[in-house]
Amino acid sequence: MMQLKIDETKDNPLLKRKELIVKIYYEGSPTPSKNQIIESISKQVGADQEKIEVVKINGEVGMQVGKALVYVWEEKPKKKEKKKKETKQQEAGKKE
């Protein structure tokens, strides 16, 4: 069973988000997934799951306790587009 406790909350108005430091207790189970953390934070904070981003999860060695850095955005964050790498043939074609 997983329990979450929000240790620290910081408003970041410039980036339009709240930054949360969350303590995770997961006795008798593996480290929770990002989706499990998002579901729990969504219930506690009352925000839409699409507006929550788990940046990182740190588990403490030998203990079933961890910390997570979570962002709660005011607006749904845009997906980052990955730039497609050009092949050598495409690069050669551009030089000509």
C-alpha atoms as a PDB file:
ATOM      1  CA  MET A   1       0.000   0.000   0.000  1.00  0.00           C
ATOM      2  CA  MET A   2       1.337   3.387  -1.021  1.00  0.00           C
ATOM      3  CA  GLN A   3       0.940   6.610   0.958  1.00  0.00           C
ATOM      4  CA  LEU A   4       1.967  10.083  -0.171  1.00  0.00           C
ATOM      5  CA  LYS A   5       2.781  13.076   1.992  1.00  0.00           C
ATOM      6  CA  ILE A   6       3.422  16.478   0.415  1.00  0.00           C
ATOM      7  CA  ASP A   7       6.503  17.825   2.219  1.00  0.00           C
ATOM      8  CA  GLU A   8       7.000  21.066   0.344  1.00  0.00           C
ATOM      9  CA  THR A   9       4.996  23.196  -2.086  1.00  0.00           C
ATOM     10  CA  LYS A  10       6.471  26.022  -4.127  1.00  0.00           C
ATOM     11  CA  ASP A  11       4.521  28.248  -6.529  1.00  0.00           C
ATOM     12  CA  ASN A  12       6.339  29.176  -9.719  1.00  0.00           C
ATOM     13  CA  PRO A  13       4.171  31.840 -11.398  1.00  0.00           C
ATOM     14  CA  LEU A  14       6.698  32.495 -14.169  1.00  0.00           C
ATOM     15  CA  LEU A  15       6.362  28.939 -15.468  1.00  0.00           C
ATOM     16  CA  LYS A  16       2.708  28.640 -14.373  1.00  0.00           C
ATOM     17  CA  ARG A  17       3.180  25.582 -12.174  1.00  0.00           C
ATOM     18  CA  LYS A  18       3.396  24.343  -8.599  1.00  0.00           C
ATOM     19  CA  GLU A  19       6.481  22.360  -7.633  1.00  0.00           C
ATOM     20  CA  LEU A  20       5.862  19.663  -5.037  1.00  0.00           C
ATOM     21  CA  ILE A  21       8.312  17.555  -3.061  1.00  0.00           C
ATOM     22  CA  VAL A  22       6.442  14.413  -2.100  1.00  0.00           C
ATOM     23  CA  LYS A  23       7.466  11.741   0.403  1.00  0.00           C
ATOM     24  CA  ILE A  24       6.333   8.267  -0.694  1.00  0.00           C
ATOM     25  CA  TYR A  25       5.824   5.367   1.704  1.00  0.00           C
ATOM     26  CA  TYR A  26       5.430   2.003  -0.037  1.00  0.00           C
ATOM     27  CA  GLU A  27       5.846  -0.700   2.571  1.00  0.00           C
ATOM     28  CA  GLY A  28       5.728  -4.260   1.220  1.00  0.00           C
ATOM     29  CA  SER A  29       5.602  -3.243  -2.447  1.00  0.00           C
ATOM     30  CA  PRO A  30       8.010  -2.059  -5.148  1.00  0.00           C
ATOM     31  CA  THR A  31       8.673   1.612  -5.872  1.00  0.00           C
ATOM     32  CA  PRO A  32       5.439   3.026  -7.302  1.00  0.00           C
ATOM     33  CA  SER A  33       5.262   3.948 -10.978  1.00  0.00           C
ATOM     34  CA  LYS A  34       4.861   7.509 -12.224  1.00  0.00           C
ATOM     35  CA  ASN A  35       1.242   6.721 -13.156  1.00  0.00           C
ATOM     36  CA  GLN A  36       0.443   5.566  -9.605  1.00  0.00           C
ATOM     37  CA  ILE A  37       1.983   8.739  -8.184  1.00  0.00           C
ATOM     38  CA  ILE A  38       0.075  10.919 -10.669  1.00  0.00           C
ATOM     39  CA  GLU A  39      -3.222   9.268  -9.668  1.00  0.00           C
ATOM     40  CA  SER A  40      -2.578   9.836  -5.954  1.00  0.00           C
ATOM     41  CA  ILE A  41      -1.411  13.447  -6.391  1.00  0.00           C
ATOM     42  CA  SER A  42      -4.436  14.151  -8.574  1.00  0.00           C
ATOM     43  CA  LYS A  43      -6.760  13.020  -5.787  1.00  0.00           C
ATOM     44  CA  GLN A  44      -4.905  15.013  -3.089  1.00  0.00           C
ATOM     45  CA  VAL A  45      -4.462  18.254  -5.013  1.00  0.00           C
ATOM     46  CA  GLY A  46      -7.641  18.070  -7.080  1.00  0.00           C
ATOM     47  CA  ALA A  47      -5.864  18.650 -10.401  1.00  0.00           C
ATOM     48  CA  ASP A  48      -6.395  16.927 -13.723  1.00  0.00           C
ATOM     49  CA  GLN A  49      -3.980  14.020 -14.274  1.00  0.00           C
ATOM     50  CA  GLU A  50      -2.868  15.470 -17.619  1.00  0.00           C
ATOM     51  CA  LYS A  51      -1.549  18.563 -15.810  1.00  0.00           C
ATOM     52  CA  ILE A  52       0.694  16.557 -13.455  1.00  0.00           C
ATOM     53  CA  GLU A  53       4.270  15.638 -14.344  1.00  0.00           C
ATOM     54  CA  VAL A  54       6.512  13.434 -12.206  1.00  0.00           C
ATOM     55  CA  VAL A  55      10.027  14.705 -12.863  1.00  0.00           C
ATOM     56  CA  LYS A  56      11.992  12.213 -10.773  1.00  0.00           C
ATOM     57  CA  ILE A  57      11.618   9.579  -8.095  1.00  0.00           C
ATOM     58  CA  ASN A  58      14.415   8.830  -5.631  1.00  0.00           C
ATOM     59  CA  GLY A  59      14.185   5.701  -3.505  1.00  0.00           C
ATOM     60  CA  GLU A  60      16.195   5.477  -0.322  1.00  0.00           C
ATOM     61  CA  VAL A  61      18.491   2.456  -0.203  1.00  0.00           C
ATOM     62  CA  GLY A  62      17.322  -0.282   2.132  1.00  0.00           C
ATOM     63  CA  MET A  63      14.136   1.539   3.060  1.00  0.00           C
ATOM     64  CA  GLN A  64      10.719   1.540   1.488  1.00  0.00           C
ATOM     65  CA  VAL A  65      10.539   5.308   1.421  1.00  0.00           C
ATOM     66  CA  GLY A  66      11.223   7.645  -1.465  1.00  0.00           C
ATOM     67  CA  LYS A  67      10.957  11.238  -2.582  1.00  0.00           C
ATOM     68  CA  ALA A  68       9.520  12.565  -5.807  1.00  0.00           C
ATOM     69  CA  LEU A  69       9.645  15.921  -7.552  1.00  0.00           C
ATOM     70  CA  VAL A  70       6.249  16.647  -9.090  1.00  0.00           C
ATOM     71  CA  TYR A  71       5.068  19.576 -11.203  1.00  0.00           C
ATOM     72  CA  VAL A  72       1.394  20.555 -11.280  1.00  0.00           C
ATOM     73  CA  TRP A  73       0.853  22.796 -14.311  1.00  0.00           C
ATOM     74  CA  GLU A  74      -1.892  25.411 -14.615  1.00  0.00           C
ATOM     75  CA  GLU A  75      -2.269  24.494 -18.286  1.00  0.00           C
ATOM     76  CA  LYS A  76      -1.757  21.128 -19.931  1.00  0.00           C
ATOM     77  CA  PRO A  77       1.938  20.959 -20.909  1.00  0.00           C
ATOM     78  CA  LYS A  78       2.732  20.638 -24.593  1.00  0.00           C
ATOM     79  CA  LYS A  79       4.522  17.512 -25.717  1.00  0.00           C
ATOM     80  CA  LYS A  80       8.076  18.108 -26.812  1.00  0.00           C
ATOM     81  CA  GLU A  81       8.675  17.198 -30.414  1.00  0.00           C
ATOM     82  CA  LYS A  82      11.807  15.222 -31.036  1.00  0.00           C
ATOM     83  CA  LYS A  83      13.882  16.426 -33.920  1.00  0.00           C
ATOM     84  CA  LYS A  84      14.365  13.765 -36.525  1.00  0.00           C
ATOM     85  CA  LYS A  85      18.011  13.097 -37.236  1.00  0.00           C
ATOM     86  CA  GLU A  86      18.946  13.404 -40.856  1.00  0.00           C
ATOM     87  CA  THR A  87      20.755  10.534 -42.503  1.00  0.00           C
ATOM     88  CA  LYS A  88      24.055  11.074 -44.293  1.00  0.00           C
ATOM     89  CA  GLN A  89      22.284  10.721 -47.636  1.00  0.00           C
ATOM     90  CA  GLN A  90      19.822  13.491 -46.776  1.00  0.00           C
ATOM     91  CA  GLU A  91      22.666  15.754 -45.617  1.00  0.00           C
ATOM     92  CA  ALA A  92      24.605  15.107 -48.851  1.00  0.00           C
ATOM     93  CA  GLY A  93      21.499  15.948 -50.885  1.00  0.00           C
ATOM     94  CA  LYS A  94      21.185  19.335 -49.160  1.00  0.00           C
ATOM     95  CA  LYS A  95      24.813  20.279 -49.845  1.00  0.00           C
ATOM     96  CA  GLU A  96      24.430  19.811 -53.595  1.00  0.00           C
END
